[in-house]
Amino acid sequence: MNHLSAQTIQHLMRKHHKTIRGIAKDWNLTLKRVRYVRQHGVEGDVFVMDWLEILTGDPGPMPSWVARRD
């Protein structure tokens, strides 16, 4: 998955009881950045993984290009 739409982000925020202020505080982001993502969504594998973790607590499946230490 390489993008999250604004509608999906808004849905996940409601479902997981996340607020703009709460996300900004917990993840050291600006309110402006959280509002922007909420209105426009995000693109790119890394950004999608980050925002899935921010919104759900789970980053989702790791892409094959992520190095794993054994």
C-alpha atoms as a PDB file:
ATOM      1  CA  MET A   1       0.000   0.000   0.000  1.00  0.00           C
ATOM      2  CA  ASN A   2       1.587   3.283  -1.021  1.00  0.00           C
ATOM      3  CA  HIS A   3      -1.102   5.812  -0.068  1.00  0.00           C
ATOM      4  CA  LEU A   4      -3.750   6.591   2.535  1.00  0.00           C
ATOM      5  CA  SER A   5      -6.576   8.866   1.496  1.00  0.00           C
ATOM      6  CA  ALA A   6      -7.798  11.722   3.657  1.00  0.00           C
ATOM      7  CA  GLN A   7     -11.097   9.898   4.083  1.00  0.00           C
ATOM      8  CA  THR A   8      -9.329   6.753   5.342  1.00  0.00           C
ATOM      9  CA  ILE A   9      -7.234   8.758   7.806  1.00  0.00           C
ATOM     10  CA  GLN A  10     -10.314  10.519   9.156  1.00  0.00           C
ATOM     11  CA  HIS A  11     -12.097   7.173   9.519  1.00  0.00           C
ATOM     12  CA  LEU A  12      -9.156   5.601  11.376  1.00  0.00           C
ATOM     13  CA  MET A  13      -8.875   8.615  13.678  1.00  0.00           C
ATOM     14  CA  ARG A  14     -12.526   8.261  14.655  1.00  0.00           C
ATOM     15  CA  LYS A  15     -12.346   4.479  14.994  1.00  0.00           C
ATOM     16  CA  HIS A  16      -9.283   4.581  17.264  1.00  0.00           C
ATOM     17  CA  HIS A  17     -10.357   7.715  19.182  1.00  0.00           C
ATOM     18  CA  LYS A  18      -7.393   9.804  18.055  1.00  0.00           C
ATOM     19  CA  THR A  19      -7.479  13.597  18.144  1.00  0.00           C
ATOM     20  CA  ILE A  20      -5.345  16.040  16.194  1.00  0.00           C
ATOM     21  CA  ARG A  21      -3.881  17.405  19.417  1.00  0.00           C
ATOM     22  CA  GLY A  22      -3.281  13.930  20.853  1.00  0.00           C
ATOM     23  CA  ILE A  23      -1.416  12.731  17.761  1.00  0.00           C
ATOM     24  CA  ALA A  24       0.674  15.907  17.657  1.00  0.00           C
ATOM     25  CA  LYS A  25       1.620  15.557  21.328  1.00  0.00           C
ATOM     26  CA  ASP A  26       2.308  11.806  21.340  1.00  0.00           C
ATOM     27  CA  TRP A  27       4.322  11.779  18.114  1.00  0.00           C
ATOM     28  CA  ASN A  28       5.995  15.200  18.378  1.00  0.00           C
ATOM     29  CA  LEU A  29       4.303  16.529  15.230  1.00  0.00           C
ATOM     30  CA  THR A  30       2.926  19.991  14.625  1.00  0.00           C
ATOM     31  CA  LEU A  31      -0.819  20.547  14.662  1.00  0.00           C
ATOM     32  CA  LYS A  32      -0.421  21.988  11.160  1.00  0.00           C
ATOM     33  CA  ARG A  33       1.135  18.732   9.877  1.00  0.00           C
ATOM     34  CA  VAL A  34      -1.570  16.553  11.419  1.00  0.00           C
ATOM     35  CA  ARG A  35      -4.313  18.772   9.964  1.00  0.00           C
ATOM     36  CA  TYR A  36      -2.625  18.695   6.537  1.00  0.00           C
ATOM     37  CA  VAL A  37      -2.422  14.893   6.516  1.00  0.00           C
ATOM     38  CA  ARG A  38      -6.029  14.676   7.705  1.00  0.00           C
ATOM     39  CA  GLN A  39      -7.131  16.861   4.767  1.00  0.00           C
ATOM     40  CA  HIS A  40      -4.817  15.531   2.025  1.00  0.00           C
ATOM     41  CA  GLY A  41      -3.731  12.023   3.002  1.00  0.00           C
ATOM     42  CA  VAL A  42      -0.225  10.610   2.588  1.00  0.00           C
ATOM     43  CA  GLU A  43       1.706   8.865  -0.181  1.00  0.00           C
ATOM     44  CA  GLY A  44       4.734   6.613  -0.036  1.00  0.00           C
ATOM     45  CA  ASP A  45       5.353   3.298   1.680  1.00  0.00           C
ATOM     46  CA  VAL A  46       7.283   4.747   4.615  1.00  0.00           C
ATOM     47  CA  PHE A  47       4.752   7.507   5.273  1.00  0.00           C
ATOM     48  CA  VAL A  48       1.871   5.044   5.091  1.00  0.00           C
ATOM     49  CA  MET A  49       3.591   2.724   7.580  1.00  0.00           C
ATOM     50  CA  ASP A  50       4.257   5.647   9.930  1.00  0.00           C
ATOM     51  CA  TRP A  51       0.676   6.904   9.802  1.00  0.00           C
ATOM     52  CA  LEU A  52      -0.808   3.436  10.223  1.00  0.00           C
ATOM     53  CA  GLU A  53       1.280   3.052  13.365  1.00  0.00           C
ATOM     54  CA  ILE A  54       0.273   6.516  14.586  1.00  0.00           C
ATOM     55  CA  LEU A  55      -3.421   5.808  14.046  1.00  0.00           C
ATOM     56  CA  THR A  56      -3.708   2.128  14.973  1.00  0.00           C
ATOM     57  CA  GLY A  57      -0.587   1.266  16.950  1.00  0.00           C
ATOM     58  CA  ASP A  58       0.350  -1.328  14.299  1.00  0.00           C
ATOM     59  CA  PRO A  59       2.537  -0.381  11.312  1.00  0.00           C
ATOM     60  CA  GLY A  60       1.125  -3.233   9.231  1.00  0.00           C
ATOM     61  CA  PRO A  61       3.090  -5.730   7.184  1.00  0.00           C
ATOM     62  CA  MET A  62       6.721  -4.854   6.577  1.00  0.00           C
ATOM     63  CA  PRO A  63       7.736  -4.418   2.931  1.00  0.00           C
ATOM     64  CA  SER A  64      10.329  -6.804   1.543  1.00  0.00           C
ATOM     65  CA  TRP A  65      12.952  -4.039   1.233  1.00  0.00           C
ATOM     66  CA  VAL A  66      13.056  -3.499   5.018  1.00  0.00           C
ATOM     67  CA  ALA A  67      16.200  -5.123   6.408  1.00  0.00           C
ATOM     68  CA  ARG A  68      15.604  -7.575   9.225  1.00  0.00           C
ATOM     69  CA  ARG A  69      18.227  -8.450  11.808  1.00  0.00           C
ATOM     70  CA  ASP A  70      18.351 -12.051  12.943  1.00  0.00           C
END
